[in-house]
Protein backbone atom coordinates (compact mmCIF):
# COMPACT_ATOMS: atom_id res chain seq x y z
CA MET A 1 0.00 0.00 0.00
CA THR A 2 2.77 2.40 0.93
CA ALA A 3 4.49 1.75 -2.42
CA LEU A 4 1.31 2.61 -4.35
CA LEU A 5 0.86 5.81 -2.37
CA GLY A 6 4.54 6.65 -2.90
CA VAL A 7 4.28 6.20 -6.67
CA ALA A 8 1.15 8.36 -6.81
CA PHE A 9 2.76 10.98 -4.58
CA VAL A 10 5.91 11.23 -6.75
CA ALA A 11 3.79 11.67 -9.90
CA GLU A 12 1.54 14.23 -8.19
CA VAL A 13 4.47 16.26 -6.85
CA ALA A 14 6.20 16.22 -10.26
CA VAL A 15 3.10 17.57 -11.98
CA ILE A 16 2.40 20.10 -9.22
CA GLY A 17 5.95 21.43 -9.60
CA ALA A 18 5.64 21.59 -13.39
CA LEU A 19 2.27 23.36 -13.14
CA ALA A 20 3.65 25.86 -10.63
CA VAL A 21 6.43 26.73 -13.08
CA SER A 22 3.89 26.89 -15.93
CA ALA A 23 1.89 29.53 -14.07
CA TYR A 24 4.62 32.07 -14.82
CA PRO A 25 4.39 33.21 -18.47
CA GLN A 26 8.13 33.89 -18.80
CA LEU A 27 9.07 30.32 -17.78
CA PRO A 28 8.72 27.10 -19.82
CA ARG A 29 5.29 25.56 -19.47
CA ILE A 30 4.09 22.01 -19.16
CA TRP A 31 0.38 22.77 -19.52
CA PRO A 32 -1.13 22.99 -22.00
CA PRO A 33 1.48 21.14 -24.06
CA GLY A 34 0.12 22.34 -27.42
CA GLU A 35 1.48 19.29 -29.24
CA ARG A 36 2.27 15.63 -28.62
CA ASP A 37 5.79 16.14 -27.31
CA TRP A 38 7.42 15.17 -24.01
CA ARG A 39 5.15 17.59 -22.08
CA PHE A 40 2.03 15.83 -23.35
CA TRP A 41 3.38 12.38 -22.44
CA PHE A 42 4.74 13.59 -19.08
CA TYR A 43 1.41 15.09 -18.06
CA TRP A 44 -0.86 12.32 -19.30
CA GLY A 45 1.57 9.64 -18.10
CA ALA A 46 1.36 11.16 -14.62
CA VAL A 47 -2.45 11.18 -14.85
CA GLY A 48 -2.33 7.46 -15.68
CA VAL A 49 0.12 6.64 -12.88
CA VAL A 50 -1.95 8.52 -10.30
CA GLY A 51 -5.22 7.05 -11.57
CA VAL A 52 -3.99 3.46 -11.47
CA SER A 53 -2.13 3.85 -8.16
CA MET A 54 -4.96 5.61 -6.36
CA GLY A 55 -7.54 3.27 -7.91
CA ALA A 56 -5.62 0.33 -6.47
CA VAL A 57 -5.32 2.05 -3.09
CA GLY A 58 -9.06 2.71 -3.12
CA ILE A 59 -9.89 -0.91 -3.91
CA LEU A 60 -7.43 -2.33 -1.37
CA GLU A 61 -8.27 0.10 1.42
CA ALA A 62 -12.05 0.42 1.06
CA ASP A 63 -13.77 0.05 4.42
CA PRO A 64 -16.21 -2.87 4.17
CA LEU A 65 -18.27 -1.40 7.01
CA LEU A 66 -19.22 1.74 5.17
CA ASP A 67 -21.98 3.98 6.39
CA THR A 68 -24.69 3.29 3.81
CA LEU A 69 -25.89 6.89 3.53
CA LEU A 70 -22.37 8.26 3.05
CA CYS A 71 -21.58 5.52 0.58
CA TRP A 72 -24.63 6.29 -1.56
CA LEU A 73 -23.93 10.02 -1.32
CA GLY A 74 -20.39 9.29 -2.48
CA VAL A 75 -21.57 7.11 -5.37
CA GLY A 76 -23.95 9.88 -6.43
CA MET A 77 -21.13 12.42 -6.32
CA VAL A 78 -18.80 10.17 -8.33
CA VAL A 79 -21.44 9.58 -11.00
CA THR A 80 -22.47 13.26 -11.11
CA GLY A 81 -18.88 14.51 -11.15
CA LEU A 82 -17.84 12.13 -13.90
CA ALA A 83 -20.95 13.02 -15.93
CA VAL A 84 -20.17 16.74 -15.65
CA GLY A 85 -16.51 16.15 -16.52
CA VAL A 86 -17.33 14.02 -19.57
CA TRP A 87 -20.08 16.41 -20.71
CA ALA A 88 -17.69 19.37 -20.44
CA ALA A 89 -14.93 17.45 -22.24
CA ARG A 90 -17.29 16.61 -25.09
CA GLN A 91 -18.28 20.27 -25.39
CA LEU A 92 -14.65 21.33 -25.50
CA ARG A 93 -13.66 18.43 -27.80
CA LEU A 94 -10.93 15.90 -27.17
CA GLU A 95 -8.02 17.75 -28.78
CA THR A 96 -8.61 20.84 -26.67
CA SER A 97 -9.37 18.84 -23.50
CA VAL A 98 -6.00 17.08 -23.62
CA GLY A 99 -4.11 20.35 -24.07
CA LEU A 100 -3.63 20.36 -27.82
CA ALA A 101 -4.73 23.04 -30.29
CA GLY A 102 -8.19 24.42 -29.88
CA GLU A 103 -10.34 27.47 -29.72
CA LEU A 104 -11.81 29.42 -26.82
CA HIS A 105 -15.04 27.73 -25.81
CA THR A 106 -17.55 29.84 -23.87
CA GLU A 107 -20.86 28.02 -24.41
CA GLY A 108 -22.64 25.17 -22.63
CA LEU A 109 -21.18 24.39 -19.23
CA TYR A 110 -18.40 26.89 -19.99
CA ARG A 111 -20.94 29.72 -19.53
CA TYR A 112 -21.00 28.89 -15.80
CA SER A 113 -17.41 27.81 -15.12
CA ARG A 114 -14.16 28.31 -17.00
CA ASN A 115 -13.16 24.82 -15.82
CA PRO A 116 -16.24 22.59 -15.59
CA GLN A 117 -14.14 19.47 -16.24
CA LEU A 118 -12.10 20.22 -13.12
CA VAL A 119 -15.26 20.93 -11.11
CA GLY A 120 -16.62 17.54 -12.18
CA ILE A 121 -13.36 15.78 -11.29
CA ALA A 122 -13.31 17.49 -7.87
CA VAL A 123 -16.88 16.39 -7.12
CA ALA A 124 -16.03 12.83 -8.21
CA LEU A 125 -12.92 12.81 -5.99
CA VAL A 126 -14.87 13.92 -2.93
CA GLY A 127 -17.40 11.21 -3.71
CA ALA A 128 -14.63 8.63 -4.04
CA VAL A 129 -13.24 9.67 -0.64
CA LEU A 130 -16.70 9.08 0.88
CA VAL A 131 -17.10 5.70 -0.83
CA VAL A 132 -13.63 4.37 0.03
CA ASN A 133 -13.69 5.77 3.56
CA ALA A 134 -9.98 5.14 4.17
CA ARG A 135 -7.33 7.47 5.53
CA ALA A 136 -4.64 6.31 3.08
CA PHE A 137 -6.87 7.06 0.09
CA THR A 138 -7.84 10.47 1.46
CA VAL A 139 -4.20 11.40 2.05
CA GLY A 140 -3.32 10.26 -1.47
CA VAL A 141 -6.06 12.42 -2.97
CA LEU A 142 -4.93 15.64 -1.24
CA PRO A 143 -2.06 16.38 -3.69
CA THR A 144 -4.53 15.86 -6.54
CA VAL A 145 -6.63 18.68 -5.08
CA VAL A 146 -3.57 20.96 -5.27
CA TRP A 147 -3.02 19.74 -8.84
CA LEU A 148 -6.61 20.65 -9.81
CA TRP A 149 -6.24 24.04 -8.16
CA LEU A 150 -2.98 24.77 -10.03
CA LEU A 151 -4.00 23.50 -13.46
CA PRO A 152 -6.06 26.54 -14.54
CA ARG A 153 -3.43 28.89 -13.12
CA ALA A 154 -0.89 27.28 -15.45
CA GLU A 155 -3.28 27.44 -18.39
CA GLU A 156 -4.52 31.02 -17.99
CA PRO A 157 -1.33 32.83 -19.09
CA TRP A 158 -1.32 30.67 -22.24
CA LEU A 159 -5.02 31.43 -22.87
CA HIS A 160 -4.29 35.13 -22.51
CA VAL A 161 -1.54 34.90 -25.15
CA GLN A 162 -3.69 32.78 -27.48
CA PHE A 163 -6.98 34.66 -27.26
CA GLY A 164 -6.12 38.11 -25.84
CA ALA A 165 -9.01 40.46 -25.13
CA GLU A 166 -11.63 37.80 -25.93
CA TYR A 167 -10.27 35.59 -23.15
CA GLU A 168 -9.96 38.52 -20.73
CA ARG A 169 -13.66 39.41 -21.23
CA TYR A 170 -14.59 35.78 -20.68
CA ARG A 171 -12.37 35.60 -17.58
CA GLU A 172 -14.07 38.66 -16.11
CA ASP A 173 -17.57 37.26 -16.75
CA VAL A 174 -17.18 33.62 -15.73
CA PRO A 175 -15.66 32.27 -12.49
CA ARG A 176 -12.64 29.97 -12.60
CA PHE A 177 -14.51 27.12 -10.93
CA VAL A 178 -18.00 27.86 -9.55
CA GLY A 179 -19.22 31.03 -7.91
CA TRP A 180 -22.40 32.86 -7.03
CA ARG A 181 -22.58 34.18 -10.59
CA SER A 182 -22.70 30.57 -11.81
CA VAL A 183 -25.50 29.68 -9.43
CA ARG A 184 -27.50 32.80 -10.30
CA GLN A 185 -27.09 32.11 -14.03
CA LEU A 186 -28.32 28.54 -13.61
CA TRP A 187 -31.54 29.75 -11.99
CA SER A 188 -32.25 32.66 -14.30
């Protein structure tokens, strides 16, 4: 178990460091890669390593005496989060979602959040923590939360360069994740 957590942690820390560097426009960036070069394979390789490692930790550490209500709440959050993430990815299209060439997308779920895929992933992760109900899994997920928080900060300088004033208007109108503006827009 410790080895799986260690592998996930190394991959998470490597990506967090690369994203932190990418947040500064004058430094080399890892995200978005823009093409299928080493940055693309580094990032998506790390996603795979973390996904497999943490999936194994979740399966091996799941508490068989789960609180039924929390478990069902968690399952609902996982399903909802994944549905939102997939829906947002489909709206953005695969090439853009994986950090390759694309255009600025401001419709659909992107009217409410600049990063609905990340919102969906975050909801699914919280749900997974509730379902697994294990300290080791929760600890392993914490660096992923930092990763999700840093990802748009690494991408935003690139978006500014790519789309200029159009992106800046969008950034002013739509929250990074979810905010009161998003909630108000949903109900109006």
